[in-house]
Amino acid sequence: MSNYRYTIILHPDQEEGGYTVTVPALPGCITQGDTMDEAIAMAKDAIRLHIESLIAEGQPVPQEDEPPQAITIDVAA
């Protein structure tokens, strides 16, 4: 069993609460949780299942060589 390290992005759901989680290095790997802790736990499961699926299909498992940078900017429009 290998260990993998990925950056996750937690997107707060302003209307319904909770968080949607995306994994930039693994396109299509998306999950959600009602709390931040639940969203993180769900992300770990989603990533594991995504990796297992890639391996089962003989696909390469993407590595995150450098974490993405996230910044907040103001834009006037």
N, C-alpha and C. Protein backbone atom coordinates (compact mmCIF):
# COMPACT_ATOMS: atom_id res chain seq x y z
N MET A 1 0.85 -1.17 0.00
CA MET A 1 0.00 0.00 0.00
C MET A 1 0.90 1.24 0.00
N SER A 2 0.61 2.17 -0.89
CA SER A 2 1.37 3.41 -0.99
C SER A 2 0.64 4.53 -0.26
N ASN A 3 1.40 5.53 0.15
CA ASN A 3 0.81 6.74 0.74
C ASN A 3 0.87 7.85 -0.29
N TYR A 4 -0.20 8.62 -0.37
CA TYR A 4 -0.30 9.72 -1.30
C TYR A 4 -0.64 10.98 -0.53
N ARG A 5 -0.19 12.13 -1.05
CA ARG A 5 -0.48 13.41 -0.41
C ARG A 5 -1.08 14.35 -1.46
N TYR A 6 -2.28 14.87 -1.15
CA TYR A 6 -2.98 15.75 -2.07
C TYR A 6 -3.54 16.97 -1.33
N THR A 7 -3.61 18.06 -2.04
CA THR A 7 -4.28 19.26 -1.54
C THR A 7 -5.77 19.12 -1.83
N ILE A 8 -6.59 19.46 -0.84
CA ILE A 8 -8.04 19.49 -1.06
C ILE A 8 -8.51 20.94 -0.90
N ILE A 9 -9.56 21.27 -1.62
CA ILE A 9 -10.16 22.60 -1.52
C ILE A 9 -11.57 22.43 -0.95
N LEU A 10 -11.84 23.11 0.15
CA LEU A 10 -13.16 23.07 0.78
C LEU A 10 -13.93 24.31 0.36
N HIS A 11 -15.05 24.09 -0.33
CA HIS A 11 -15.89 25.17 -0.82
C HIS A 11 -17.12 25.26 0.08
N PRO A 12 -17.26 26.31 0.91
CA PRO A 12 -18.45 26.43 1.76
C PRO A 12 -19.71 26.59 0.92
N ASP A 13 -20.78 25.92 1.32
CA ASP A 13 -22.07 26.04 0.66
C ASP A 13 -22.87 27.08 1.44
N GLN A 14 -22.96 28.29 0.91
CA GLN A 14 -23.61 29.40 1.62
C GLN A 14 -25.11 29.18 1.79
N GLU A 15 -25.74 28.45 0.90
CA GLU A 15 -27.20 28.28 0.95
C GLU A 15 -27.63 27.13 1.85
N GLU A 16 -26.94 25.98 1.76
CA GLU A 16 -27.39 24.80 2.48
C GLU A 16 -26.46 24.41 3.63
N GLY A 17 -25.32 25.09 3.74
CA GLY A 17 -24.36 24.75 4.78
C GLY A 17 -23.47 23.61 4.33
N GLY A 18 -22.49 23.30 5.11
CA GLY A 18 -21.56 22.23 4.78
C GLY A 18 -20.53 22.67 3.76
N TYR A 19 -19.82 21.70 3.21
CA TYR A 19 -18.71 21.97 2.31
C TYR A 19 -18.71 20.97 1.15
N THR A 20 -18.37 21.46 -0.02
CA THR A 20 -18.05 20.61 -1.15
C THR A 20 -16.54 20.58 -1.23
N VAL A 21 -15.97 19.40 -1.49
CA VAL A 21 -14.52 19.25 -1.53
C VAL A 21 -14.09 18.82 -2.93
N THR A 22 -13.08 19.51 -3.46
CA THR A 22 -12.48 19.12 -4.73
C THR A 22 -11.00 18.84 -4.49
N VAL A 23 -10.43 18.05 -5.41
CA VAL A 23 -9.02 17.67 -5.33
C VAL A 23 -8.39 18.08 -6.67
N PRO A 24 -7.70 19.23 -6.70
CA PRO A 24 -7.18 19.73 -7.99
C PRO A 24 -6.33 18.73 -8.77
N ALA A 25 -5.56 17.91 -8.10
CA ALA A 25 -4.69 16.95 -8.80
C ALA A 25 -5.45 15.74 -9.32
N LEU A 26 -6.69 15.55 -8.86
CA LEU A 26 -7.50 14.40 -9.27
C LEU A 26 -8.83 14.89 -9.85
N PRO A 27 -8.82 15.36 -11.09
CA PRO A 27 -10.07 15.85 -11.70
C PRO A 27 -11.19 14.81 -11.58
N GLY A 28 -12.36 15.29 -11.18
CA GLY A 28 -13.50 14.40 -11.03
C GLY A 28 -13.66 13.83 -9.64
N CYS A 29 -12.67 14.02 -8.79
CA CYS A 29 -12.74 13.54 -7.40
C CYS A 29 -13.37 14.65 -6.56
N ILE A 30 -14.68 14.49 -6.29
CA ILE A 30 -15.46 15.50 -5.57
C ILE A 30 -16.29 14.80 -4.50
N THR A 31 -16.42 15.44 -3.35
CA THR A 31 -17.26 14.91 -2.29
C THR A 31 -17.79 16.08 -1.48
N GLN A 32 -18.50 15.77 -0.39
CA GLN A 32 -19.03 16.83 0.45
C GLN A 32 -19.21 16.33 1.87
N GLY A 33 -19.42 17.28 2.79
CA GLY A 33 -19.68 16.94 4.17
C GLY A 33 -20.42 18.07 4.85
N ASP A 34 -21.15 17.76 5.91
CA ASP A 34 -21.93 18.76 6.63
C ASP A 34 -21.06 19.67 7.50
N THR A 35 -19.91 19.14 7.96
CA THR A 35 -18.97 19.92 8.76
C THR A 35 -17.60 19.83 8.10
N MET A 36 -16.69 20.68 8.53
CA MET A 36 -15.34 20.63 7.96
C MET A 36 -14.69 19.27 8.25
N ASP A 37 -14.83 18.78 9.46
CA ASP A 37 -14.24 17.48 9.81
C ASP A 37 -14.84 16.35 8.96
N GLU A 38 -16.15 16.38 8.77
CA GLU A 38 -16.79 15.35 7.95
C GLU A 38 -16.35 15.47 6.50
N ALA A 39 -16.23 16.70 6.00
CA ALA A 39 -15.80 16.90 4.62
C ALA A 39 -14.38 16.37 4.41
N ILE A 40 -13.51 16.58 5.37
CA ILE A 40 -12.13 16.07 5.28
C ILE A 40 -12.13 14.55 5.29
N ALA A 41 -12.91 13.95 6.19
CA ALA A 41 -12.99 12.48 6.25
C ALA A 41 -13.55 11.92 4.94
N MET A 42 -14.57 12.57 4.40
CA MET A 42 -15.15 12.13 3.14
C MET A 42 -14.14 12.27 2.00
N ALA A 43 -13.33 13.33 2.05
CA ALA A 43 -12.30 13.54 1.02
C ALA A 43 -11.28 12.40 1.05
N LYS A 44 -10.88 11.98 2.22
CA LYS A 44 -9.92 10.87 2.33
C LYS A 44 -10.50 9.61 1.69
N ASP A 45 -11.77 9.33 1.96
CA ASP A 45 -12.41 8.15 1.36
C ASP A 45 -12.52 8.30 -0.15
N ALA A 46 -12.92 9.48 -0.61
CA ALA A 46 -13.09 9.71 -2.05
C ALA A 46 -11.75 9.58 -2.78
N ILE A 47 -10.70 10.11 -2.19
CA ILE A 47 -9.37 10.02 -2.81
C ILE A 47 -8.92 8.56 -2.87
N ARG A 48 -9.10 7.83 -1.78
CA ARG A 48 -8.71 6.42 -1.76
C ARG A 48 -9.45 5.64 -2.84
N LEU A 49 -10.75 5.84 -2.93
CA LEU A 49 -11.54 5.13 -3.94
C LEU A 49 -11.16 5.55 -5.36
N HIS A 50 -10.87 6.82 -5.55
CA HIS A 50 -10.45 7.32 -6.86
C HIS A 50 -9.13 6.66 -7.27
N ILE A 51 -8.18 6.61 -6.35
CA ILE A 51 -6.88 5.98 -6.63
C ILE A 51 -7.06 4.50 -6.92
N GLU A 52 -7.86 3.80 -6.11
CA GLU A 52 -8.10 2.37 -6.34
C GLU A 52 -8.70 2.13 -7.71
N SER A 53 -9.60 3.00 -8.13
CA SER A 53 -10.22 2.88 -9.45
C SER A 53 -9.20 3.08 -10.56
N LEU A 54 -8.34 4.08 -10.41
CA LEU A 54 -7.30 4.31 -11.41
C LEU A 54 -6.38 3.09 -11.53
N ILE A 55 -5.97 2.55 -10.40
CA ILE A 55 -5.07 1.39 -10.41
C ILE A 55 -5.76 0.19 -11.05
N ALA A 56 -7.03 -0.04 -10.70
CA ALA A 56 -7.78 -1.17 -11.27
C ALA A 56 -7.92 -1.05 -12.79
N GLU A 57 -7.98 0.18 -13.30
CA GLU A 57 -8.11 0.40 -14.73
C GLU A 57 -6.76 0.50 -15.43
N GLY A 58 -5.68 0.33 -14.67
CA GLY A 58 -4.35 0.39 -15.26
C GLY A 58 -3.91 1.81 -15.62
N GLN A 59 -4.57 2.79 -15.03
CA GLN A 59 -4.24 4.19 -15.29
C GLN A 59 -3.18 4.68 -14.31
N PRO A 60 -2.39 5.66 -14.71
CA PRO A 60 -1.41 6.22 -13.77
C PRO A 60 -2.11 7.02 -12.67
N VAL A 61 -1.52 7.03 -11.50
CA VAL A 61 -2.04 7.81 -10.38
C VAL A 61 -1.31 9.15 -10.36
N PRO A 62 -2.03 10.26 -10.58
CA PRO A 62 -1.36 11.56 -10.58
C PRO A 62 -0.71 11.87 -9.24
N GLN A 63 0.45 12.47 -9.31
CA GLN A 63 1.17 12.90 -8.11
C GLN A 63 1.07 14.42 -8.04
N GLU A 64 1.02 14.94 -6.87
CA GLU A 64 1.01 16.39 -6.68
C GLU A 64 2.43 16.80 -6.32
N ASP A 65 3.18 17.26 -7.31
CA ASP A 65 4.56 17.64 -7.08
C ASP A 65 4.69 18.93 -6.29
N GLU A 66 3.81 19.86 -6.59
CA GLU A 66 3.82 21.15 -5.90
C GLU A 66 2.38 21.53 -5.63
N PRO A 67 2.04 21.83 -4.37
CA PRO A 67 0.65 22.17 -4.07
C PRO A 67 0.21 23.43 -4.81
N PRO A 68 -1.06 23.48 -5.19
CA PRO A 68 -1.56 24.69 -5.85
C PRO A 68 -1.55 25.86 -4.88
N GLN A 69 -1.47 27.05 -5.40
CA GLN A 69 -1.50 28.26 -4.58
C GLN A 69 -2.90 28.86 -4.66
N ALA A 70 -3.47 29.18 -3.54
CA ALA A 70 -4.80 29.80 -3.51
C ALA A 70 -4.65 31.18 -2.86
N ILE A 71 -5.16 32.18 -3.54
CA ILE A 71 -5.16 33.53 -2.99
C ILE A 71 -6.53 34.14 -3.24
N THR A 72 -6.88 35.12 -2.46
CA THR A 72 -8.12 35.85 -2.63
C THR A 72 -7.77 37.23 -3.18
N ILE A 73 -8.47 37.63 -4.24
CA ILE A 73 -8.24 38.94 -4.82
C ILE A 73 -9.54 39.71 -4.91
N ASP A 74 -9.47 41.03 -4.91
CA ASP A 74 -10.62 41.90 -5.11
C ASP A 74 -10.63 42.36 -6.56
N VAL A 75 -11.80 42.36 -7.18
CA VAL A 75 -11.96 42.80 -8.56
C VAL A 75 -13.15 43.74 -8.63
N ALA A 76 -12.94 44.93 -9.16
CA ALA A 76 -14.04 45.86 -9.35
C ALA A 76 -14.67 45.60 -10.71
N ALA A 77 -15.98 45.51 -10.74
CA ALA A 77 -16.68 45.30 -12.02
C ALA A 77 -17.98 46.06 -12.03
